[in-house]
Amino acid sequence: METTTETKLGVIAVVVFLGAGIWAVGSAHATYTQATMDEPVAVEATVHHVGVAEDVMYLDNGGTRQLYYPDVHYTYSYEGETYTSESVYRGTDVSMDTRSQARAVVSEYDAGEAVTATIDGADPDTAYLIDEYSPTMEYLLGASGVFLILAAAAVVRGLVRGVARTA
């Protein structure tokens, strides 16, 4: 079965759009995560509740997936105002596949304990306890780069073969 030029171009177009889409999602997430802290300020916070939150994700195939989140509620004061937060990680909530993973995170905290939280001095409502986040988006950015490189290689290869056939 011979592959036509239109089929090859279609495959290349799909790879380019897939790579560009993954790159766009990863870039948006990375930008959001970086933008969540314009002016980081360390403050003392008091933990009021520690636990593990659960959620169910519904999959396209009709199945479900159980997710677990570290659940830490704390209060802190900044410039005379008191704030409450539940954000453990910077940027977004990080889901875990097992309850034990989430428990391992919250085991670092006890109700009534004083901890250090980082807030955004420009927006004191934004706070977190742990300055790390899931590397998933970085992996997606890397994968999109691979897709785009493969697409570029296919285009160059097609152009070289086209020039060789006409010569």
Protein backbone atom coordinates (compact mmCIF):
# COMPACT_ATOMS: atom_id res chain seq x y z
CA MET A 1 0.00 0.00 0.00
CA GLU A 2 1.53 3.26 -1.11
CA THR A 3 1.19 6.32 1.08
CA THR A 4 0.08 9.43 -0.77
CA THR A 5 1.54 12.86 -0.27
CA GLU A 6 -1.83 14.07 1.08
CA THR A 7 -1.84 11.30 3.70
CA LYS A 8 1.70 12.17 4.77
CA LEU A 9 0.81 15.84 5.02
CA GLY A 10 -2.28 14.95 7.04
CA VAL A 11 -0.23 12.92 9.50
CA ILE A 12 2.32 15.73 9.79
CA ALA A 13 -0.48 18.26 10.37
CA VAL A 14 -1.97 16.09 13.14
CA VAL A 15 1.44 15.75 14.82
CA VAL A 16 2.04 19.52 14.59
CA PHE A 17 -1.41 20.37 16.00
CA LEU A 18 -1.07 17.78 18.76
CA GLY A 19 2.38 19.07 19.71
CA ALA A 20 1.24 22.69 19.60
CA GLY A 21 -1.83 21.89 21.71
CA ILE A 22 0.20 20.11 24.38
CA TRP A 23 2.72 22.95 24.37
CA ALA A 24 -0.07 25.55 24.78
CA VAL A 25 -1.59 23.73 27.78
CA GLY A 26 1.81 23.24 29.41
CA SER A 27 2.84 26.84 28.82
CA ALA A 28 -0.43 28.17 30.22
CA HIS A 29 -0.01 26.08 33.36
CA ALA A 30 3.62 27.09 33.81
CA THR A 31 2.71 30.76 33.33
CA TYR A 32 -0.16 30.48 35.83
CA THR A 33 2.06 28.78 38.39
CA GLN A 34 4.78 31.42 38.03
CA ALA A 35 2.24 34.24 38.15
CA THR A 36 0.71 33.07 41.41
CA MET A 37 3.41 34.83 43.40
CA ASP A 38 4.36 38.36 42.43
CA GLU A 39 5.79 39.32 45.82
CA PRO A 40 6.43 36.23 48.00
CA VAL A 41 6.43 36.92 51.75
CA ALA A 42 6.96 34.32 54.50
CA VAL A 43 4.45 34.58 57.37
CA GLU A 44 3.66 32.54 60.45
CA ALA A 45 0.44 30.57 60.14
CA THR A 46 -1.57 28.42 62.54
CA VAL A 47 -2.89 25.05 61.37
CA HIS A 48 -6.53 24.40 62.31
CA HIS A 49 -7.39 21.20 60.44
CA VAL A 50 -5.39 18.36 58.90
CA GLY A 51 -6.85 15.56 56.82
CA VAL A 52 -7.14 13.91 53.43
CA ALA A 53 -9.82 15.07 50.99
CA GLU A 54 -11.22 12.66 48.40
CA ASP A 55 -12.69 13.23 44.98
CA VAL A 56 -13.86 11.05 42.13
CA MET A 57 -12.80 11.75 38.56
CA TYR A 58 -15.18 10.44 35.90
CA LEU A 59 -13.35 9.01 32.90
CA ASP A 60 -14.46 9.16 29.26
CA ASN A 61 -14.75 5.35 29.14
CA GLY A 62 -17.41 5.43 31.87
CA GLY A 63 -15.04 4.40 34.66
CA THR A 64 -13.99 6.38 37.68
CA ARG A 65 -10.71 7.17 39.39
CA GLN A 66 -10.36 7.98 43.07
CA LEU A 67 -8.15 11.00 43.83
CA TYR A 68 -6.77 12.17 47.17
CA TYR A 69 -5.65 15.65 48.20
CA PRO A 70 -3.69 16.85 51.23
CA ASP A 71 -6.18 18.93 53.23
CA VAL A 72 -4.64 21.49 55.59
CA HIS A 73 -6.60 24.55 56.77
CA TYR A 74 -4.61 27.38 58.29
CA THR A 75 -4.89 31.06 59.18
CA TYR A 76 -2.29 33.80 58.99
CA SER A 77 -2.11 37.54 59.46
CA TYR A 78 -0.59 40.10 57.15
CA GLU A 79 -0.61 43.89 57.64
CA GLY A 80 -3.28 43.67 60.35
CA GLU A 81 -5.70 41.44 58.40
CA THR A 82 -6.36 37.75 59.09
CA TYR A 83 -6.68 35.30 56.21
CA THR A 84 -7.60 31.63 55.85
CA SER A 85 -6.22 29.21 53.27
CA GLU A 86 -6.34 25.54 52.34
CA SER A 87 -3.62 25.67 49.68
CA VAL A 88 -0.84 23.24 50.45
CA TYR A 89 1.07 23.58 47.17
CA ARG A 90 1.97 26.66 45.15
CA GLY A 91 -0.23 27.23 42.13
CA THR A 92 -2.77 24.42 42.06
CA ASP A 93 -4.00 21.53 44.15
CA VAL A 94 -1.96 18.40 43.61
CA SER A 95 -3.96 15.18 43.47
CA MET A 96 -2.49 11.90 44.62
CA ASP A 97 -3.34 8.36 43.53
CA THR A 98 -3.34 6.87 47.01
CA ARG A 99 -4.55 7.95 50.41
CA SER A 100 -1.12 7.08 51.85
CA GLN A 101 0.58 9.59 49.53
CA ALA A 102 -1.72 12.36 50.74
CA ARG A 103 -1.29 11.24 54.37
CA ALA A 104 2.49 11.44 53.98
CA VAL A 105 2.15 15.11 53.01
CA VAL A 106 -0.22 16.05 55.84
CA SER A 107 1.78 14.07 58.41
CA GLU A 108 4.10 17.08 58.52
CA TYR A 109 1.33 19.19 60.10
CA ASP A 110 -0.67 19.08 63.35
CA ALA A 111 -3.71 21.12 64.37
CA GLY A 112 -2.65 24.02 66.57
CA GLU A 113 0.90 23.99 65.19
CA ALA A 114 2.66 27.14 63.97
CA VAL A 115 4.03 26.76 60.44
CA THR A 116 5.54 29.02 57.81
CA ALA A 117 3.30 29.90 54.89
CA THR A 118 4.28 31.89 51.85
CA ILE A 119 1.86 34.56 50.70
CA ASP A 120 1.76 36.99 47.83
CA GLY A 121 2.36 40.44 49.32
CA ALA A 122 0.46 41.96 46.39
CA ASP A 123 -2.50 39.58 46.99
CA PRO A 124 -2.40 38.29 50.58
CA ASP A 125 -5.38 35.95 49.93
CA THR A 126 -2.96 33.75 47.96
CA ALA A 127 -0.89 31.45 50.20
CA TYR A 128 0.77 28.04 50.20
CA LEU A 129 2.79 25.83 52.50
CA ILE A 130 4.95 23.79 50.11
CA ASP A 131 6.84 25.42 47.24
CA GLU A 132 6.72 22.62 44.76
CA TYR A 133 4.23 21.45 42.21
CA SER A 134 3.55 18.53 39.94
CA PRO A 135 6.06 18.23 37.08
CA THR A 136 3.34 16.90 34.75
CA MET A 137 3.18 20.08 32.70
CA GLU A 138 6.93 20.11 32.23
CA TYR A 139 6.70 16.56 30.90
CA LEU A 140 3.93 17.67 28.54
CA LEU A 141 6.08 20.55 27.33
CA GLY A 142 8.91 18.10 26.65
CA ALA A 143 6.56 15.73 24.82
CA SER A 144 5.22 18.56 22.70
CA GLY A 145 8.78 19.48 21.77
CA VAL A 146 9.37 15.89 20.62
CA PHE A 147 6.15 16.00 18.54
CA LEU A 148 7.19 19.26 16.92
CA ILE A 149 10.73 18.02 16.20
CA LEU A 150 9.35 14.84 14.62
CA ALA A 151 6.98 16.89 12.48
CA ALA A 152 9.79 19.22 11.40
CA ALA A 153 11.99 16.20 10.57
CA ALA A 154 9.19 14.70 8.47
CA VAL A 155 8.73 17.96 6.57
CA VAL A 156 12.47 18.30 5.92
CA ARG A 157 12.70 14.66 4.87
CA GLY A 158 9.79 15.15 2.46
CA LEU A 159 11.34 18.28 1.02
CA VAL A 160 14.72 16.57 0.55
CA ARG A 161 13.10 13.59 -1.17
CA GLY A 162 11.05 15.94 -3.35
CA VAL A 163 14.16 17.83 -4.43
CA ALA A 164 16.03 14.55 -5.08
CA ARG A 165 13.18 13.23 -7.28
CA THR A 166 13.06 16.40 -9.38
CA ALA A 167 16.82 16.49 -9.89
